[in-house]
Amino acid sequence: MPNPYDTLGVPKNASADEIKKAYRKLAREHHPDQGGDEARFKEIQGAYDVLSDPEKRQAYDTFGTANGRPGGFGGGSGPQFADFDLSDLFGGIFGGGPRQRG
């Protein structure tokens, strides 16, 4: 997700009232029921969700994300190893092959 301040067109030091005013203006302009773009409307809603919540806003200002973890909004998960068998790796490194399961 893009920078929520840029999305709403407000500075980093914007007050809660300024954020709400910018959100309402953009939401009216881009609402799908008014012929606006749904993707843009969702982007505006996401930005407002972050900036209207003091905890999420502080997390974004500190870490660049709303969830308090470096990365992107929504915090995509890292590599998945569920189907990876470590015995294959260690068998290849230390000799032998994968263990037979039976």
C-alpha atoms as a PDB file:
ATOM      1  CA  MET A   1       0.000   0.000   0.000  1.00  0.00           C
ATOM      2  CA  PRO A   2       1.269   3.480  -0.786  1.00  0.00           C
ATOM      3  CA  ASN A   3       2.101   6.030   1.862  1.00  0.00           C
ATOM      4  CA  PRO A   4      -1.196   6.829   3.647  1.00  0.00           C
ATOM      5  CA  TYR A   5      -0.252  10.496   4.017  1.00  0.00           C
ATOM      6  CA  ASP A   6       0.268  10.779   0.265  1.00  0.00           C
ATOM      7  CA  THR A   7      -2.929   8.841  -0.414  1.00  0.00           C
ATOM      8  CA  LEU A   8      -4.996  11.316   1.597  1.00  0.00           C
ATOM      9  CA  GLY A   9      -2.903  14.317   0.555  1.00  0.00           C
ATOM     10  CA  VAL A  10      -2.087  15.390   4.107  1.00  0.00           C
ATOM     11  CA  PRO A  11       1.243  16.207   5.791  1.00  0.00           C
ATOM     12  CA  LYS A  12       2.751  13.937   8.458  1.00  0.00           C
ATOM     13  CA  ASN A  13       1.818  16.454  11.141  1.00  0.00           C
ATOM     14  CA  ALA A  14      -1.846  16.636  10.071  1.00  0.00           C
ATOM     15  CA  SER A  15      -4.395  16.737  12.863  1.00  0.00           C
ATOM     16  CA  ALA A  16      -7.117  14.123  13.251  1.00  0.00           C
ATOM     17  CA  ASP A  17      -9.638  16.664  11.935  1.00  0.00           C
ATOM     18  CA  GLU A  18      -7.523  17.387   8.845  1.00  0.00           C
ATOM     19  CA  ILE A  19      -7.207  13.662   8.161  1.00  0.00           C
ATOM     20  CA  LYS A  20     -10.954  13.119   8.547  1.00  0.00           C
ATOM     21  CA  LYS A  21     -11.757  16.069   6.284  1.00  0.00           C
ATOM     22  CA  ALA A  22      -9.369  14.842   3.562  1.00  0.00           C
ATOM     23  CA  TYR A  23     -10.764  11.304   3.840  1.00  0.00           C
ATOM     24  CA  ARG A  24     -14.378  12.431   3.509  1.00  0.00           C
ATOM     25  CA  LYS A  25     -13.608  14.588   0.481  1.00  0.00           C
ATOM     26  CA  LEU A  26     -11.715  11.806  -1.317  1.00  0.00           C
ATOM     27  CA  ALA A  27     -14.219   9.129  -0.306  1.00  0.00           C
ATOM     28  CA  ARG A  28     -17.064  11.138  -1.848  1.00  0.00           C
ATOM     29  CA  GLU A  29     -15.082  11.694  -5.047  1.00  0.00           C
ATOM     30  CA  HIS A  30     -14.019   8.072  -5.488  1.00  0.00           C
ATOM     31  CA  HIS A  31     -16.943   6.110  -4.029  1.00  0.00           C
ATOM     32  CA  PRO A  32     -17.951   3.297  -6.429  1.00  0.00           C
ATOM     33  CA  ASP A  33     -21.648   4.152  -6.031  1.00  0.00           C
ATOM     34  CA  GLN A  34     -20.844   7.606  -7.397  1.00  0.00           C
ATOM     35  CA  GLY A  35     -18.976   6.236 -10.413  1.00  0.00           C
ATOM     36  CA  GLY A  36     -15.582   6.234  -8.722  1.00  0.00           C
ATOM     37  CA  ASP A  37     -12.850   3.640  -8.914  1.00  0.00           C
ATOM     38  CA  GLU A  38     -13.307   0.873  -6.328  1.00  0.00           C
ATOM     39  CA  ALA A  39      -9.569   0.153  -6.055  1.00  0.00           C
ATOM     40  CA  ARG A  40      -8.795   3.823  -5.373  1.00  0.00           C
ATOM     41  CA  PHE A  41     -11.643   3.975  -2.851  1.00  0.00           C
ATOM     42  CA  LYS A  42     -10.225   0.963  -0.981  1.00  0.00           C
ATOM     43  CA  GLU A  43      -6.781   2.582  -0.989  1.00  0.00           C
ATOM     44  CA  ILE A  44      -8.303   5.720   0.544  1.00  0.00           C
ATOM     45  CA  GLN A  45     -10.149   3.641   3.166  1.00  0.00           C
ATOM     46  CA  GLY A  46      -6.940   1.788   4.037  1.00  0.00           C
ATOM     47  CA  ALA A  47      -5.035   5.033   4.463  1.00  0.00           C
ATOM     48  CA  TYR A  48      -7.760   6.448   6.692  1.00  0.00           C
ATOM     49  CA  ASP A  49      -7.848   3.231   8.726  1.00  0.00           C
ATOM     50  CA  VAL A  50      -4.164   3.691   9.537  1.00  0.00           C
ATOM     51  CA  LEU A  51      -4.119   7.435  10.124  1.00  0.00           C
ATOM     52  CA  SER A  52      -7.355   7.625  12.124  1.00  0.00           C
ATOM     53  CA  ASP A  53      -6.150   5.081  14.699  1.00  0.00           C
ATOM     54  CA  PRO A  54      -3.472   6.615  16.969  1.00  0.00           C
ATOM     55  CA  GLU A  55      -1.736   3.268  17.578  1.00  0.00           C
ATOM     56  CA  LYS A  56      -1.650   2.307  13.898  1.00  0.00           C
ATOM     57  CA  ARG A  57      -0.506   5.791  12.961  1.00  0.00           C
ATOM     58  CA  GLN A  58       2.346   5.685  15.459  1.00  0.00           C
ATOM     59  CA  ALA A  59       3.350   2.215  14.237  1.00  0.00           C
ATOM     60  CA  TYR A  60       3.342   3.482  10.649  1.00  0.00           C
ATOM     61  CA  ASP A  61       5.383   6.554  11.588  1.00  0.00           C
ATOM     62  CA  THR A  62       7.894   4.389  13.458  1.00  0.00           C
ATOM     63  CA  PHE A  63       8.157   1.292  11.259  1.00  0.00           C
ATOM     64  CA  GLY A  64       6.617   2.268   7.938  1.00  0.00           C
ATOM     65  CA  THR A  65       3.805  -0.248   8.455  1.00  0.00           C
ATOM     66  CA  ALA A  66       0.555  -0.248  10.379  1.00  0.00           C
ATOM     67  CA  ASN A  67       1.214  -3.591  12.053  1.00  0.00           C
ATOM     68  CA  GLY A  68       4.403  -2.534  13.831  1.00  0.00           C
ATOM     69  CA  ARG A  69       6.628  -4.846  11.807  1.00  0.00           C
ATOM     70  CA  PRO A  70       8.904  -3.759   8.985  1.00  0.00           C
ATOM     71  CA  GLY A  71       7.574  -4.721   5.604  1.00  0.00           C
ATOM     72  CA  GLY A  72       4.353  -3.791   3.891  1.00  0.00           C
ATOM     73  CA  PHE A  73       0.818  -3.153   5.010  1.00  0.00           C
ATOM     74  CA  GLY A  74      -0.885  -6.332   5.977  1.00  0.00           C
ATOM     75  CA  GLY A  75       2.499  -7.906   6.689  1.00  0.00           C
ATOM     76  CA  GLY A  76       2.851 -10.559   4.070  1.00  0.00           C
ATOM     77  CA  SER A  77       4.238 -13.766   5.419  1.00  0.00           C
ATOM     78  CA  GLY A  78       7.800 -14.831   4.875  1.00  0.00           C
ATOM     79  CA  PRO A  79       8.994 -17.995   3.191  1.00  0.00           C
ATOM     80  CA  GLN A  80       6.909 -21.062   3.798  1.00  0.00           C
ATOM     81  CA  PHE A  81       8.741 -24.246   4.803  1.00  0.00           C
ATOM     82  CA  ALA A  82       5.794 -26.502   5.558  1.00  0.00           C
ATOM     83  CA  ASP A  83       6.626 -28.920   2.736  1.00  0.00           C
ATOM     84  CA  PHE A  84      10.370 -28.861   3.281  1.00  0.00           C
ATOM     85  CA  ASP A  85      11.985 -31.940   4.845  1.00  0.00           C
ATOM     86  CA  LEU A  86      15.138 -30.999   6.764  1.00  0.00           C
ATOM     87  CA  SER A  87      16.423 -34.563   6.575  1.00  0.00           C
ATOM     88  CA  ASP A  88      16.814 -34.052   2.823  1.00  0.00           C
ATOM     89  CA  LEU A  89      19.007 -31.024   3.448  1.00  0.00           C
ATOM     90  CA  PHE A  90      21.084 -32.529   6.233  1.00  0.00           C
ATOM     91  CA  GLY A  91      21.382 -35.850   4.460  1.00  0.00           C
ATOM     92  CA  GLY A  92      22.841 -34.057   1.461  1.00  0.00           C
ATOM     93  CA  ILE A  93      25.260 -32.070   3.601  1.00  0.00           C
ATOM     94  CA  PHE A  94      26.384 -34.810   5.970  1.00  0.00           C
ATOM     95  CA  GLY A  95      26.152 -37.781   3.646  1.00  0.00           C
ATOM     96  CA  GLY A  96      23.441 -40.304   3.152  1.00  0.00           C
ATOM     97  CA  GLY A  97      20.173 -39.534   1.538  1.00  0.00           C
ATOM     98  CA  PRO A  98      16.720 -38.748   2.640  1.00  0.00           C
ATOM     99  CA  ARG A  99      15.385 -41.044   5.293  1.00  0.00           C
ATOM    100  CA  GLN A 100      12.886 -43.598   4.192  1.00  0.00           C
ATOM    101  CA  ARG A 101       9.504 -43.301   5.808  1.00  0.00           C
ATOM    102  CA  GLY A 102       7.421 -46.299   6.174  1.00  0.00           C
END
